[in-house]
Amino acid sequence: MRRYSQRQSLSTLSEINVTPLLDLAFVLLIIFMITTPLLESSMNLVIPSSSATNQPIKSGQVQTVSIDRTETIRFNNQVVNLGTLTAQLAQLKQTNPDVAIVIRPDRELPVQKLITLMDVLRRAQVTKVGIATRAEKE
């Protein structure tokens, strides 16, 4: 009398059933397709932190660039145009490599004008740039 269990243990399985793997792949694909748009539109931001400390900036190294809604650019309260500003910033960067610039944009200023001003700072190789903001009252 033969036992069926011995016959099954001696035979080898030469094919892998991929149907459960495909089911799992499709379920994961559907989950990611549903959750990705929800993640992109969320507004809860947690700002990352760093253990590195920044070097303290002396007040003499901070220069201000203001731009109002009429696109008038002021460098340390003196009206300048973009060409003059680029030359002044390049000269300032050569004399003081640790110079820091604070941009004070108007609230109604188009974003493209702010980006143009930041491009001028990048061309002058100024790396320490900040944008002045005001806290809103709740």
Protein backbone atom coordinates (compact mmCIF):
# COMPACT_ATOMS: atom_id res chain seq x y z
CA MET A 1 0.00 0.00 0.00
CA ARG A 2 1.44 3.33 -1.01
CA ARG A 3 1.11 6.42 0.97
CA TYR A 4 0.21 9.60 -0.78
CA SER A 5 2.28 11.75 1.54
CA GLN A 6 5.51 10.03 0.48
CA ARG A 7 4.74 10.60 -3.17
CA GLN A 8 4.15 14.31 -2.62
CA SER A 9 7.35 14.82 -0.65
CA LEU A 10 9.46 13.26 -3.40
CA SER A 11 8.09 15.38 -6.21
CA THR A 12 9.52 18.86 -6.86
CA LEU A 13 7.58 21.98 -7.66
CA SER A 14 8.90 23.31 -10.94
CA GLU A 15 6.47 26.22 -11.41
CA ILE A 16 5.86 29.26 -9.23
CA ASN A 17 2.35 30.54 -8.97
CA VAL A 18 2.57 34.30 -9.69
CA THR A 19 -1.13 35.08 -9.29
CA PRO A 20 -0.85 36.07 -5.60
CA LEU A 21 2.16 38.27 -6.41
CA LEU A 22 0.24 40.06 -9.16
CA ASP A 23 -2.71 40.56 -6.82
CA LEU A 24 -0.42 42.13 -4.26
CA ALA A 25 1.21 44.38 -6.88
CA PHE A 26 -2.17 45.62 -8.11
CA VAL A 27 -3.40 46.30 -4.58
CA LEU A 28 -0.26 48.32 -3.80
CA LEU A 29 -0.61 50.21 -7.08
CA ILE A 30 -4.19 51.16 -6.26
CA ILE A 31 -3.24 52.25 -2.74
CA PHE A 32 -0.46 54.50 -4.04
CA MET A 33 -2.70 55.93 -6.76
CA ILE A 34 -5.29 56.90 -4.16
CA THR A 35 -2.96 58.28 -1.48
CA THR A 36 -0.51 60.26 -3.65
CA PRO A 37 -2.91 63.10 -4.60
CA LEU A 38 -3.92 63.43 -0.97
CA LEU A 39 -0.30 63.83 0.13
CA GLU A 40 0.45 66.52 -2.44
CA SER A 41 -2.40 68.80 -1.39
CA SER A 42 -1.82 68.64 2.34
CA MET A 43 -0.70 71.81 4.08
CA ASN A 44 0.50 70.51 7.43
CA LEU A 45 4.21 71.23 7.30
CA VAL A 46 6.75 70.15 9.83
CA ILE A 47 9.94 72.08 9.28
CA PRO A 48 13.01 69.83 9.48
CA SER A 49 15.59 70.55 12.12
CA SER A 50 19.33 70.28 12.02
CA SER A 51 21.92 69.70 14.68
CA ALA A 52 24.40 71.96 12.86
CA THR A 53 24.72 75.44 14.25
CA ASN A 54 24.99 78.49 12.05
CA GLN A 55 27.76 80.96 12.53
CA PRO A 56 26.51 84.13 14.23
CA ILE A 57 26.20 87.02 11.81
CA LYS A 58 27.47 90.40 12.92
CA SER A 59 25.08 93.30 12.43
CA GLY A 60 27.67 95.10 10.30
CA GLN A 61 27.60 92.28 7.78
CA VAL A 62 23.83 92.52 7.16
CA GLN A 63 22.72 94.67 4.23
CA THR A 64 19.10 95.27 3.21
CA VAL A 65 17.52 95.25 -0.22
CA SER A 66 13.95 96.55 -0.35
CA ILE A 67 11.57 96.34 -3.29
CA ASP A 68 8.12 97.90 -3.27
CA ARG A 69 5.02 97.28 -5.36
CA THR A 70 6.13 99.82 -7.97
CA GLU A 71 9.32 97.74 -8.37
CA THR A 72 11.57 100.44 -6.91
CA ILE A 73 14.68 98.74 -5.55
CA ARG A 74 16.49 100.26 -2.59
CA PHE A 75 19.90 99.04 -1.39
CA ASN A 76 20.49 100.30 2.16
CA ASN A 77 17.73 102.93 1.59
CA GLN A 78 19.30 104.24 -1.65
CA VAL A 79 17.34 103.83 -4.89
CA VAL A 80 19.25 101.68 -7.42
CA ASN A 81 18.45 99.75 -10.59
CA LEU A 82 19.27 96.07 -11.19
CA GLY A 83 22.56 96.76 -13.02
CA THR A 84 23.86 99.06 -10.29
CA LEU A 85 22.70 96.62 -7.62
CA THR A 86 24.60 93.76 -9.28
CA ALA A 87 27.80 95.82 -9.40
CA GLN A 88 27.45 97.00 -5.80
CA LEU A 89 26.75 93.49 -4.53
CA ALA A 90 29.72 92.03 -6.42
CA GLN A 91 31.99 94.71 -4.98
CA LEU A 92 30.57 94.15 -1.49
CA LYS A 93 31.10 90.39 -1.82
CA GLN A 94 34.75 90.92 -2.78
CA THR A 95 35.44 93.17 0.18
CA ASN A 96 33.42 91.10 2.67
CA PRO A 97 32.86 87.43 1.70
CA ASP A 98 30.59 86.84 4.73
CA VAL A 99 28.07 89.51 3.78
CA ALA A 100 24.40 88.69 4.46
CA ILE A 101 21.51 90.21 2.55
CA VAL A 102 17.97 90.63 3.86
CA ILE A 103 15.33 91.13 1.18
CA ARG A 104 12.31 93.19 2.25
CA PRO A 105 9.64 92.68 -0.43
CA ASP A 106 6.28 94.39 -0.51
CA ARG A 107 3.27 92.20 0.20
CA GLU A 108 1.69 92.99 -3.19
CA LEU A 109 4.90 92.41 -5.18
CA PRO A 110 4.62 89.76 -7.93
CA VAL A 111 6.65 86.65 -7.19
CA GLN A 112 8.53 86.92 -10.49
CA LYS A 113 10.05 90.26 -9.43
CA LEU A 114 11.28 88.69 -6.18
CA ILE A 115 12.82 85.79 -8.14
CA THR A 116 14.55 88.28 -10.46
CA LEU A 117 16.04 90.02 -7.43
CA MET A 118 17.21 86.70 -6.01
CA ASP A 119 18.83 85.89 -9.37
CA VAL A 120 20.80 89.14 -9.09
CA LEU A 121 22.02 88.04 -5.66
CA ARG A 122 23.01 84.65 -7.03
CA ARG A 123 24.95 86.25 -9.89
CA ALA A 124 26.82 88.34 -7.32
CA GLN A 125 27.58 85.04 -5.49
CA VAL A 126 25.89 86.14 -2.27
CA THR A 127 24.93 82.94 -0.44
CA LYS A 128 23.56 84.28 2.85
CA VAL A 129 20.12 85.56 1.87
CA GLY A 130 17.02 85.99 3.99
CA ILE A 131 13.53 87.36 3.37
CA ALA A 132 12.04 89.64 6.00
CA THR A 133 8.51 88.78 7.06
CA ARG A 134 6.11 90.03 9.67
CA ALA A 135 4.17 87.77 12.01
CA GLU A 136 0.43 87.82 11.49
CA LYS A 137 -1.81 88.60 14.43
CA GLU A 138 -4.39 85.93 15.15
